[in-house]
Structure formats: C-alpha cells, structure tokens
Amino acid sequence: MAKRFSETDKWQDEWFSELKPFNKLIFLFLVDRCDNAGFFEINARLSSFLIGITIEQFEQGLAGLNKCLIKSNDGKKIWLKNFIQHQKNLPLNSTNNAHKQIIFLLNSNKDNFDFDFTNLGANEGLISPLGKGKGKGKGNGNGIVIDYKEEIEIFKNDKIWFENFGNAKHILPEALQKMIDDFLVDITLKEKFMDAKNLKEYFTNVFNKNKQNESHQRNNGKTKLGTSEARIERAKNWSLSGT
C-alpha cells in the first residue's frame, strides 16, 4: 500500500477552505489515487463508486478543482500541479533512484499536456536516459537506453493500474498476481516490450487472447459433447428399433 505525505496546513489555506465538501473529498481522493508523478486517469464510474457519490457529483466536483490540476489534451487524464512538490520530491534529479519512476511518468505523459515538465528538474533529468542500471537493455529509437529490469519494476509497482485492471476484468488480486508473475517470467525471456507502458499493453493483449482461447475451447468442448450425446441417443434408438 502506497503512503503519501499530507500537508496539514491545507485546512487553513484560503483556496482549500473555500471549497465545497464534495470538492475537498474528491481532492483528497485524487491525492491518494494518482500515480507517483501526480497523474490520474479519469474513470468517473469507478471513482464515484469508490467515493460513494454519483457520477454527476464526481464530474461536478472535479470541475471545481481546475485551479489545482491540468487536464490532458485528450481529456482522459489530469495532473495535480503541486503533487510532486508536496511529496517532497522537488527538484527532480535523474541520478536519484527515488525520482526515476517520476521522471519516467512525466516523460510518458509530456506530449499529452500543455505544460513544460522540464522546469521540475534540477538538471536535464526529464529528457535524459533513466540510467543503464545492471539490467539488459536496448535503445528505443530516440537515443534513450531502456533497462528491462527497471521497466519491469515500474510495471510491478503500479498498484493503481493493477487494481483498475482487476476490477475491470473481475479478477481477484491473488489470481491476478499469479498471472502477472507467470507473465513476467515469460516476458523476461522474450523481451518483446520497450517500456512499462508498452508492457501493460502487452500484458493486456496476452490476457485478452488467453480469455478468447479459453472461450473457444469451452465452446468446442460443448460442441463435441453434444455430438457424442447425439451419437449415444442414436445408438439407443437403433437398438430399440432392431436396426
């Protein structure tokens, strides 16, 4: 379970104190549920269910927080502007292991937001490689070295994505964790991914393909069973008719 810093003085802050109760509740929810860089993928249905409000109330409450967040160009994500600062992670530095995932997330989202994320770094950390580490890696076509072990760790530690995936696919956490462990053993050998984002997509594709195969096998099993039962029934009829 991730732990976050909470600014206790926010209750005396003029902006926060003047928010409506729904806005305050949604703001606290976003701080808890966003990723380590402050990005949150909007899912009004799931969010309203977890908070215990209606979808309309969530959407209205989110609209009242425009001062503290930036919406992505496609409208599917938001970014909490002061989240990284309040989590005591500024200025970002690419040589700091604790900042590498944050830098990776910022780089992954920068093209979808009208904001210059490079201003958050102490140097050129947001546009430089995340580091070679000790893992096996290769280039991604942009001169950046991809470290497989590091990307796998980012993938494994994205608890929010795993929880959302499990809820969407109706899978218990223990069963999903087993699938992930088996998947990572296989993917480590094949190395068919570029980064953590691509790894999520690859896992989703593998999952969906396996489900389709299972469904196809069940349908074939029913067809074969039906054929066998029909043959038995015909044999009984032939026996009774004496033919």
C-alpha atoms as a PDB file:
ATOM      1  CA  MET A   1       0.000   0.000   0.000  1.00  0.00           C
ATOM      2  CA  ALA A   2       1.446   3.345  -1.048  1.00  0.00           C
ATOM      3  CA  LYS A   3       1.959   6.058   1.563  1.00  0.00           C
ATOM      4  CA  ARG A   4       1.680   9.774   0.824  1.00  0.00           C
ATOM      5  CA  PHE A   5       2.630  12.962   2.626  1.00  0.00           C
ATOM      6  CA  SER A   6      -0.298  15.145   3.659  1.00  0.00           C
ATOM      7  CA  GLU A   7       0.016  18.914   4.077  1.00  0.00           C
ATOM      8  CA  THR A   8      -1.864  19.558   7.326  1.00  0.00           C
ATOM      9  CA  ASP A   9      -1.908  23.325   6.795  1.00  0.00           C
ATOM     10  CA  LYS A  10      -4.174  22.935   3.763  1.00  0.00           C
ATOM     11  CA  TRP A  11      -7.205  23.276   6.063  1.00  0.00           C
ATOM     12  CA  GLN A  12      -6.145  26.857   6.776  1.00  0.00           C
ATOM     13  CA  ASP A  13      -5.362  27.569   3.129  1.00  0.00           C
ATOM     14  CA  GLU A  14      -7.819  30.107   1.710  1.00  0.00           C
ATOM     15  CA  TRP A  15      -8.352  28.223  -1.555  1.00  0.00           C
ATOM     16  CA  PHE A  16      -8.905  24.829   0.092  1.00  0.00           C
ATOM     17  CA  SER A  17     -11.074  26.139   2.944  1.00  0.00           C
ATOM     18  CA  GLU A  18     -13.470  27.763   0.482  1.00  0.00           C
ATOM     19  CA  LEU A  19     -14.013  24.557  -1.493  1.00  0.00           C
ATOM     20  CA  LYS A  20     -17.329  22.762  -1.162  1.00  0.00           C
ATOM     21  CA  PRO A  21     -17.265  19.468   0.800  1.00  0.00           C
ATOM     22  CA  PHE A  22     -17.546  17.438  -2.434  1.00  0.00           C
ATOM     23  CA  ASN A  23     -14.540  19.248  -3.894  1.00  0.00           C
ATOM     24  CA  LYS A  24     -12.457  18.625  -0.777  1.00  0.00           C
ATOM     25  CA  LEU A  25     -13.370  14.943  -0.733  1.00  0.00           C
ATOM     26  CA  ILE A  26     -12.521  14.492  -4.404  1.00  0.00           C
ATOM     27  CA  PHE A  27      -9.243  16.385  -3.987  1.00  0.00           C
ATOM     28  CA  LEU A  28      -8.176  14.074  -1.142  1.00  0.00           C
ATOM     29  CA  PHE A  29      -9.237  11.094  -3.262  1.00  0.00           C
ATOM     30  CA  LEU A  30      -7.081  12.276  -6.180  1.00  0.00           C
ATOM     31  CA  VAL A  31      -4.047  12.761  -3.936  1.00  0.00           C
ATOM     32  CA  ASP A  32      -4.403   9.181  -2.704  1.00  0.00           C
ATOM     33  CA  ARG A  33      -5.157   7.610  -6.082  1.00  0.00           C
ATOM     34  CA  CYS A  34      -2.873   9.399  -8.535  1.00  0.00           C
ATOM     35  CA  ASP A  35       0.434   7.857  -9.582  1.00  0.00           C
ATOM     36  CA  ASN A  36       3.782   8.949  -8.144  1.00  0.00           C
ATOM     37  CA  ALA A  37       4.048  11.855 -10.575  1.00  0.00           C
ATOM     38  CA  GLY A  38       0.544  13.187  -9.866  1.00  0.00           C
ATOM     39  CA  PHE A  39      -1.223  11.810 -12.949  1.00  0.00           C
ATOM     40  CA  PHE A  40      -4.710  10.343 -12.647  1.00  0.00           C
ATOM     41  CA  GLU A  41      -6.641   8.578 -15.389  1.00  0.00           C
ATOM     42  CA  ILE A  42     -10.240   9.748 -15.227  1.00  0.00           C
ATOM     43  CA  ASN A  43     -12.764   6.985 -14.608  1.00  0.00           C
ATOM     44  CA  ALA A  44     -15.888   8.701 -13.324  1.00  0.00           C
ATOM     45  CA  ARG A  45     -17.840   5.473 -12.812  1.00  0.00           C
ATOM     46  CA  LEU A  46     -15.161   3.739 -10.719  1.00  0.00           C
ATOM     47  CA  SER A  47     -14.162   6.888  -8.830  1.00  0.00           C
ATOM     48  CA  SER A  48     -17.726   7.796  -7.885  1.00  0.00           C
ATOM     49  CA  PHE A  49     -18.316   4.218  -6.714  1.00  0.00           C
ATOM     50  CA  LEU A  50     -15.204   4.209  -4.506  1.00  0.00           C
ATOM     51  CA  ILE A  51     -16.016   7.618  -3.008  1.00  0.00           C
ATOM     52  CA  GLY A  52     -19.702   6.824  -2.533  1.00  0.00           C
ATOM     53  CA  ILE A  53     -21.173   9.602  -4.682  1.00  0.00           C
ATOM     54  CA  THR A  54     -22.893   9.780  -8.051  1.00  0.00           C
ATOM     55  CA  ILE A  55     -21.071  10.121 -11.352  1.00  0.00           C
ATOM     56  CA  GLU A  56     -22.602  13.572 -11.792  1.00  0.00           C
ATOM     57  CA  GLN A  57     -21.339  14.664  -8.368  1.00  0.00           C
ATOM     58  CA  PHE A  58     -17.844  13.426  -9.179  1.00  0.00           C
ATOM     59  CA  GLU A  59     -17.760  15.259 -12.510  1.00  0.00           C
ATOM     60  CA  GLN A  60     -19.091  18.477 -10.946  1.00  0.00           C
ATOM     61  CA  GLY A  61     -16.647  18.211  -8.057  1.00  0.00           C
ATOM     62  CA  LEU A  62     -13.738  17.634 -10.436  1.00  0.00           C
ATOM     63  CA  ALA A  63     -14.697  20.738 -12.408  1.00  0.00           C
ATOM     64  CA  GLY A  64     -14.387  22.766  -9.205  1.00  0.00           C
ATOM     65  CA  LEU A  65     -10.711  21.834  -8.843  1.00  0.00           C
ATOM     66  CA  ASN A  66      -9.436  23.443 -12.042  1.00  0.00           C
ATOM     67  CA  LYS A  67      -7.032  25.663 -10.114  1.00  0.00           C
ATOM     68  CA  CYS A  68      -5.001  22.732  -8.790  1.00  0.00           C
ATOM     69  CA  LEU A  69      -4.959  20.457 -11.826  1.00  0.00           C
ATOM     70  CA  ILE A  70      -4.302  20.374 -15.560  1.00  0.00           C
ATOM     71  CA  LYS A  71      -6.328  18.257 -17.976  1.00  0.00           C
ATOM     72  CA  SER A  72      -4.638  16.329 -20.740  1.00  0.00           C
ATOM     73  CA  ASN A  73      -5.199  17.309 -24.353  1.00  0.00           C
ATOM     74  CA  ASP A  74      -7.393  14.251 -24.919  1.00  0.00           C
ATOM     75  CA  GLY A  75      -9.340  14.878 -21.698  1.00  0.00           C
ATOM     76  CA  LYS A  76      -8.642  11.387 -20.346  1.00  0.00           C
ATOM     77  CA  LYS A  77      -6.149  12.321 -17.639  1.00  0.00           C
ATOM     78  CA  ILE A  78      -5.471  15.048 -15.119  1.00  0.00           C
ATOM     79  CA  TRP A  79      -2.255  16.134 -13.438  1.00  0.00           C
ATOM     80  CA  LEU A  80      -2.126  17.560  -9.914  1.00  0.00           C
ATOM     81  CA  LYS A  81       0.199  20.515 -10.337  1.00  0.00           C
ATOM     82  CA  ASN A  82       1.634  20.684  -6.808  1.00  0.00           C
ATOM     83  CA  PHE A  83       1.611  16.962  -6.028  1.00  0.00           C
ATOM     84  CA  ILE A  84       5.331  16.340  -6.605  1.00  0.00           C
ATOM     85  CA  GLN A  85       6.226  19.386  -4.523  1.00  0.00           C
ATOM     86  CA  HIS A  86       4.004  18.346  -1.608  1.00  0.00           C
ATOM     87  CA  GLN A  87       5.523  14.853  -1.717  1.00  0.00           C
ATOM     88  CA  LYS A  88       8.959  16.454  -1.131  1.00  0.00           C
ATOM     89  CA  ASN A  89      10.346  15.309  -4.493  1.00  0.00           C
ATOM     90  CA  LEU A  90      11.437  18.636  -6.000  1.00  0.00           C
ATOM     91  CA  PRO A  91      13.736  19.370  -7.651  1.00  0.00           C
ATOM     92  CA  LEU A  92      13.825  16.138  -9.635  1.00  0.00           C
ATOM     93  CA  ASN A  93      17.187  14.606 -10.406  1.00  0.00           C
ATOM     94  CA  SER A  94      17.762  11.747 -12.856  1.00  0.00           C
ATOM     95  CA  THR A  95      20.595  10.360 -10.706  1.00  0.00           C
ATOM     96  CA  ASN A  96      18.251   9.947  -7.746  1.00  0.00           C
ATOM     97  CA  ASN A  97      16.797   6.414  -7.805  1.00  0.00           C
ATOM     98  CA  ALA A  98      13.690   7.588  -5.967  1.00  0.00           C
ATOM     99  CA  HIS A  99      12.978  10.060  -8.790  1.00  0.00           C
ATOM    100  CA  LYS A 100      13.467   7.757 -11.759  1.00  0.00           C
ATOM    101  CA  GLN A 101       9.901   6.470 -11.860  1.00  0.00           C
ATOM    102  CA  ILE A 102       8.543  10.016 -11.517  1.00  0.00           C
ATOM    103  CA  ILE A 103      10.735  11.186 -14.399  1.00  0.00           C
ATOM    104  CA  PHE A 104       9.637   8.222 -16.485  1.00  0.00           C
ATOM    105  CA  LEU A 105       5.957   9.021 -15.844  1.00  0.00           C
ATOM    106  CA  LEU A 106       6.479  12.681 -16.725  1.00  0.00           C
ATOM    107  CA  ASN A 107       8.239  11.738 -19.949  1.00  0.00           C
ATOM    108  CA  SER A 108       5.435   9.305 -20.807  1.00  0.00           C
ATOM    109  CA  ASN A 109       2.763  11.993 -20.414  1.00  0.00           C
ATOM    110  CA  LYS A 110       4.504  15.197 -21.507  1.00  0.00           C
ATOM    111  CA  ASP A 111       3.255  15.070 -25.115  1.00  0.00           C
ATOM    112  CA  ASN A 112      -0.357  14.958 -23.926  1.00  0.00           C
ATOM    113  CA  PHE A 113      -0.194  18.006 -21.626  1.00  0.00           C
ATOM    114  CA  ASP A 114       0.363  21.684 -22.335  1.00  0.00           C
ATOM    115  CA  PHE A 115       2.978  22.074 -19.623  1.00  0.00           C
ATOM    116  CA  ASP A 116       6.767  22.249 -19.627  1.00  0.00           C
ATOM    117  CA  PHE A 117       7.716  19.463 -17.234  1.00  0.00           C
ATOM    118  CA  THR A 118      11.441  20.135 -17.693  1.00  0.00           C
ATOM    119  CA  ASN A 119      11.059  23.033 -15.244  1.00  0.00           C
ATOM    120  CA  LEU A 120      10.649  20.472 -12.467  1.00  0.00           C
ATOM    121  CA  GLY A 121      14.186  19.135 -12.775  1.00  0.00           C
ATOM    122  CA  ALA A 122      17.415  20.245 -11.163  1.00  0.00           C
ATOM    123  CA  ASN A 123      19.134  19.467 -14.469  1.00  0.00           C
ATOM    124  CA  GLU A 124      18.114  17.836 -17.743  1.00  0.00           C
ATOM    125  CA  GLY A 125      16.785  14.812 -15.902  1.00  0.00           C
ATOM    126  CA  LEU A 126      13.445  14.782 -17.671  1.00  0.00           C
ATOM    127  CA  ILE A 127      14.918  14.382 -21.118  1.00  0.00           C
ATOM    128  CA  SER A 128      17.979  12.277 -20.324  1.00  0.00           C
ATOM    129  CA  PRO A 129      18.159   8.469 -20.039  1.00  0.00           C
ATOM    130  CA  LEU A 130      16.804   6.867 -16.896  1.00  0.00           C
ATOM    131  CA  GLY A 131      20.093   5.083 -16.404  1.00  0.00           C
ATOM    132  CA  LYS A 132      21.510   1.805 -17.631  1.00  0.00           C
ATOM    133  CA  GLY A 133      21.490   0.071 -14.255  1.00  0.00           C
ATOM    134  CA  LYS A 134      22.594  -3.568 -14.199  1.00  0.00           C
ATOM    135  CA  GLY A 135      19.863  -4.979 -16.388  1.00  0.00           C
ATOM    136  CA  LYS A 136      19.888  -5.859 -20.035  1.00  0.00           C
ATOM    137  CA  GLY A 137      18.631  -3.050 -22.255  1.00  0.00           C
ATOM    138  CA  LYS A 138      18.406  -1.621 -25.735  1.00  0.00           C
ATOM    139  CA  GLY A 139      17.655   1.668 -27.453  1.00  0.00           C
ATOM    140  CA  ASN A 140      14.121   2.861 -28.131  1.00  0.00           C
ATOM    141  CA  GLY A 141      14.937   4.765 -31.314  1.00  0.00           C
ATOM    142  CA  ASN A 142      15.284   8.122 -29.546  1.00  0.00           C
ATOM    143  CA  GLY A 143      18.729   7.551 -28.081  1.00  0.00           C
ATOM    144  CA  ILE A 144      17.313   6.576 -24.691  1.00  0.00           C
ATOM    145  CA  VAL A 145      18.537   3.333 -23.138  1.00  0.00           C
ATOM    146  CA  ILE A 146      15.735   1.048 -21.978  1.00  0.00           C
ATOM    147  CA  ASP A 147      16.600  -1.004 -18.906  1.00  0.00           C
ATOM    148  CA  TYR A 148      14.353  -4.062 -18.853  1.00  0.00           C
ATOM    149  CA  LYS A 149      14.745  -4.702 -15.130  1.00  0.00           C
ATOM    150  CA  GLU A 150      13.919  -1.115 -14.280  1.00  0.00           C
ATOM    151  CA  GLU A 151      10.856  -1.068 -16.551  1.00  0.00           C
ATOM    152  CA  ILE A 152       9.627  -4.334 -15.030  1.00  0.00           C
ATOM    153  CA  GLU A 153       9.928  -2.805 -11.550  1.00  0.00           C
ATOM    154  CA  ILE A 154       7.913   0.239 -12.647  1.00  0.00           C
ATOM    155  CA  PHE A 155       5.291  -2.087 -14.103  1.00  0.00           C
ATOM    156  CA  LYS A 156       5.138  -4.273 -10.969  1.00  0.00           C
ATOM    157  CA  ASN A 157       4.835  -1.291  -8.612  1.00  0.00           C
ATOM    158  CA  ASP A 158       1.956   0.417 -10.400  1.00  0.00           C
ATOM    159  CA  LYS A 159      -0.655  -0.701  -7.877  1.00  0.00           C
ATOM    160  CA  ILE A 160      -3.330   1.656  -9.189  1.00  0.00           C
ATOM    161  CA  TRP A 161      -3.134   0.183 -12.693  1.00  0.00           C
ATOM    162  CA  PHE A 162      -3.280  -3.385 -11.333  1.00  0.00           C
ATOM    163  CA  GLU A 163      -6.285  -2.564  -9.149  1.00  0.00           C
ATOM    164  CA  ASN A 164      -8.141  -0.924 -12.028  1.00  0.00           C
ATOM    165  CA  PHE A 165      -7.270  -3.851 -14.317  1.00  0.00           C
ATOM    166  CA  GLY A 166      -8.515  -6.396 -11.767  1.00  0.00           C
ATOM    167  CA  ASN A 167     -11.765  -4.503 -11.245  1.00  0.00           C
ATOM    168  CA  ALA A 168     -12.367  -4.158 -14.974  1.00  0.00           C
ATOM    169  CA  LYS A 169     -11.649  -7.846 -15.665  1.00  0.00           C
ATOM    170  CA  HIS A 170     -13.329  -9.123 -12.476  1.00  0.00           C
ATOM    171  CA  ILE A 171     -10.212 -10.923 -11.224  1.00  0.00           C
ATOM    172  CA  LEU A 172      -9.302 -11.476  -7.586  1.00  0.00           C
ATOM    173  CA  PRO A 173      -5.967  -9.872  -6.559  1.00  0.00           C
ATOM    174  CA  GLU A 174      -4.365 -13.248  -5.769  1.00  0.00           C
ATOM    175  CA  ALA A 175      -5.305 -14.701  -9.169  1.00  0.00           C
ATOM    176  CA  LEU A 176      -4.131 -11.574 -10.992  1.00  0.00           C
ATOM    177  CA  GLN A 177      -0.813 -11.594  -9.133  1.00  0.00           C
ATOM    178  CA  LYS A 178      -0.239 -15.208 -10.214  1.00  0.00           C
ATOM    179  CA  MET A 179      -0.935 -14.254 -13.841  1.00  0.00           C
ATOM    180  CA  ILE A 180       1.468 -11.319 -13.571  1.00  0.00           C
ATOM    181  CA  ASP A 181       4.235 -13.450 -12.065  1.00  0.00           C
ATOM    182  CA  ASP A 182       3.890 -16.058 -14.823  1.00  0.00           C
ATOM    183  CA  PHE A 183       3.750 -13.324 -17.458  1.00  0.00           C
ATOM    184  CA  LEU A 184       6.903 -11.618 -16.198  1.00  0.00           C
ATOM    185  CA  VAL A 185       8.857 -14.878 -16.228  1.00  0.00           C
ATOM    186  CA  ASP A 186       7.903 -15.343 -19.863  1.00  0.00           C
ATOM    187  CA  ILE A 187       8.373 -11.711 -20.916  1.00  0.00           C
ATOM    188  CA  THR A 188      11.805 -11.525 -19.272  1.00  0.00           C
ATOM    189  CA  LEU A 189      12.939 -14.296 -21.575  1.00  0.00           C
ATOM    190  CA  LYS A 190      11.357 -12.902 -24.723  1.00  0.00           C
ATOM    191  CA  GLU A 191      11.937  -9.152 -24.089  1.00  0.00           C
ATOM    192  CA  LYS A 192       9.260  -8.064 -26.527  1.00  0.00           C
ATOM    193  CA  PHE A 193       8.499  -4.775 -24.801  1.00  0.00           C
ATOM    194  CA  MET A 194      10.062  -1.287 -24.828  1.00  0.00           C
ATOM    195  CA  ASP A 195       8.943   0.296 -21.566  1.00  0.00           C
ATOM    196  CA  ALA A 196       6.470  -0.066 -18.676  1.00  0.00           C
ATOM    197  CA  LYS A 197       3.603   1.441 -20.688  1.00  0.00           C
ATOM    198  CA  ASN A 198       4.201  -0.972 -23.544  1.00  0.00           C
ATOM    199  CA  LEU A 199       4.479  -3.789 -21.003  1.00  0.00           C
ATOM    200  CA  LYS A 200       0.983  -3.024 -19.705  1.00  0.00           C
ATOM    201  CA  GLU A 201      -0.382  -3.108 -23.232  1.00  0.00           C
ATOM    202  CA  TYR A 202       1.391  -6.391 -23.951  1.00  0.00           C
ATOM    203  CA  PHE A 203       0.046  -7.956 -20.741  1.00  0.00           C
ATOM    204  CA  THR A 204      -3.478  -6.804 -21.615  1.00  0.00           C
ATOM    205  CA  ASN A 205      -3.208  -8.278 -25.106  1.00  0.00           C
ATOM    206  CA  VAL A 206      -1.921 -11.590 -23.741  1.00  0.00           C
ATOM    207  CA  PHE A 207      -4.702 -11.674 -21.157  1.00  0.00           C
ATOM    208  CA  ASN A 208      -7.419 -10.971 -23.724  1.00  0.00           C
ATOM    209  CA  LYS A 209      -6.001 -13.557 -26.127  1.00  0.00           C
ATOM    210  CA  ASN A 210      -5.905 -16.213 -23.389  1.00  0.00           C
ATOM    211  CA  LYS A 211      -9.515 -15.457 -22.471  1.00  0.00           C
ATOM    212  CA  GLN A 212     -10.569 -15.790 -26.105  1.00  0.00           C
ATOM    213  CA  ASN A 213      -8.747 -19.133 -26.354  1.00  0.00           C
ATOM    214  CA  GLU A 214     -10.423 -20.378 -23.187  1.00  0.00           C
ATOM    215  CA  SER A 215     -13.823 -19.361 -24.512  1.00  0.00           C
ATOM    216  CA  HIS A 216     -13.102 -21.054 -27.832  1.00  0.00           C
ATOM    217  CA  GLN A 217     -12.044 -24.260 -26.072  1.00  0.00           C
ATOM    218  CA  ARG A 218     -15.187 -24.276 -23.923  1.00  0.00           C
ATOM    219  CA  ASN A 219     -17.363 -23.824 -26.988  1.00  0.00           C
ATOM    220  CA  ASN A 220     -15.558 -26.632 -28.790  1.00  0.00           C
ATOM    221  CA  GLY A 221     -15.981 -28.832 -25.730  1.00  0.00           C
ATOM    222  CA  LYS A 222     -19.710 -28.212 -25.718  1.00  0.00           C
ATOM    223  CA  THR A 223     -19.917 -28.973 -29.436  1.00  0.00           C
ATOM    224  CA  LYS A 224     -18.013 -32.231 -29.048  1.00  0.00           C
ATOM    225  CA  LEU A 225     -20.089 -33.197 -26.028  1.00  0.00           C
ATOM    226  CA  GLY A 226     -23.280 -32.511 -27.919  1.00  0.00           C
ATOM    227  CA  THR A 227     -22.087 -34.651 -30.834  1.00  0.00           C
ATOM    228  CA  SER A 228     -21.190 -37.550 -28.521  1.00  0.00           C
ATOM    229  CA  GLU A 229     -24.537 -37.366 -26.758  1.00  0.00           C
ATOM    230  CA  ALA A 230     -26.319 -37.354 -30.102  1.00  0.00           C
ATOM    231  CA  ARG A 231     -24.449 -40.489 -31.156  1.00  0.00           C
ATOM    232  CA  ILE A 232     -25.387 -42.264 -27.924  1.00  0.00           C
ATOM    233  CA  GLU A 233     -29.002 -41.296 -28.403  1.00  0.00           C
ATOM    234  CA  ARG A 234     -28.962 -42.599 -31.995  1.00  0.00           C
ATOM    235  CA  ALA A 235     -27.387 -45.846 -30.810  1.00  0.00           C
ATOM    236  CA  LYS A 236     -30.190 -46.297 -28.284  1.00  0.00           C
ATOM    237  CA  ASN A 237     -32.804 -45.693 -30.955  1.00  0.00           C
ATOM    238  CA  TRP A 238     -31.165 -48.153 -33.304  1.00  0.00           C
ATOM    239  CA  SER A 239     -31.105 -50.761 -30.548  1.00  0.00           C
ATOM    240  CA  LEU A 240     -34.779 -50.292 -29.769  1.00  0.00           C
ATOM    241  CA  SER A 241     -35.774 -50.404 -33.419  1.00  0.00           C
ATOM    242  CA  GLY A 242     -33.759 -53.569 -34.024  1.00  0.00           C
ATOM    243  CA  THR A 243     -31.808 -51.998 -36.920  1.00  0.00           C
END
